[in-house]
Amino acid sequence: MMNLSDPAIAVRDLRVVRGGAEVLHGLTFEVPRGQVTGLLGPSGCGKTTLMRAIVGVQIVSGGEARVLGEPAGSAGLRRRIGYSTQSPAVYRDLTVLENLRYFAAVLGAPKDDPERVLAEVGLAGAARQLGSTLSGGQLGRAGLAVALLGRPELLVLDEPTVGLDPVLRQELWTLFHRLAEGGTTILVSSHVMDEAARCERLIVLRQGEILADETPGALRAHTGTADLEEAFLRLIEERAAA
């Protein structure tokens, strides 16, 4: 059994090769339990590939990822991790509520979980809509609702706020922090640097390498700027000059 002081995610020398090219170059880092950790970086930097490796659906070429005390992809992790992809896993010919009831049954989640997660992601008013009628933002929230079923210990969220208006983005970040306060570990990716300030820790990626692994405050201090987007640019300049 995992010790509560152990990290939720421990990655060591992780390498991934896709299409003959190495896209993750020996990454090593840890994600503490009960925190919101941001995985930041531009599109194409390896964020999604890294998240897929953590949830155990990406073939790795070297190194390892341990999640909640077990090797990534272990059968015992299936009900302990919630994973929301950029392309939500929602059946378009079912209503939102039917989708959630189906996935809840697969996971063995409580029968009232679909209604709970609908309210949490602000989709209660769309419960009877078919998946095919949802907007892009609604589809993203529906995918997040699926990830929340069963109250997983770890949430891995790939760009969950893309396409959402500022009010809903704020509501979801409030939800993420409330879940973290209750003990859930959250790893959330974004290419929008202004969302970095909402995280307790940041792992900044570029071209499959880690540029920084620290708190937003430490990153600002390290780069001598109050703006996190400017901090990212300075990290690139430092790496180029090294």
Foldseek 3Di string as FASTA:
>chain_A
DFDLQAFQKFWFQWWADDPNRIQAGGDTDTHHWLFEEEEEEAPSQCLVVVLCQQQPNGDTDDTFMAGSNHGHPDPVCPLQEFEFELQAPAQQAAFLLVRLQVLCVVSVFDNCLSVVLCVLQVNNVRRRPGNVPDDSLVSLSSSVSSSPTNNHQEYEEEASCPPHDPVSVVSVLVSVNVSSVVTRGYYYYDHDQVCLLSGQWYFYTGSNYTLDTGGLVVLCVVQVHPRRVVSVVSSVVVVVVD
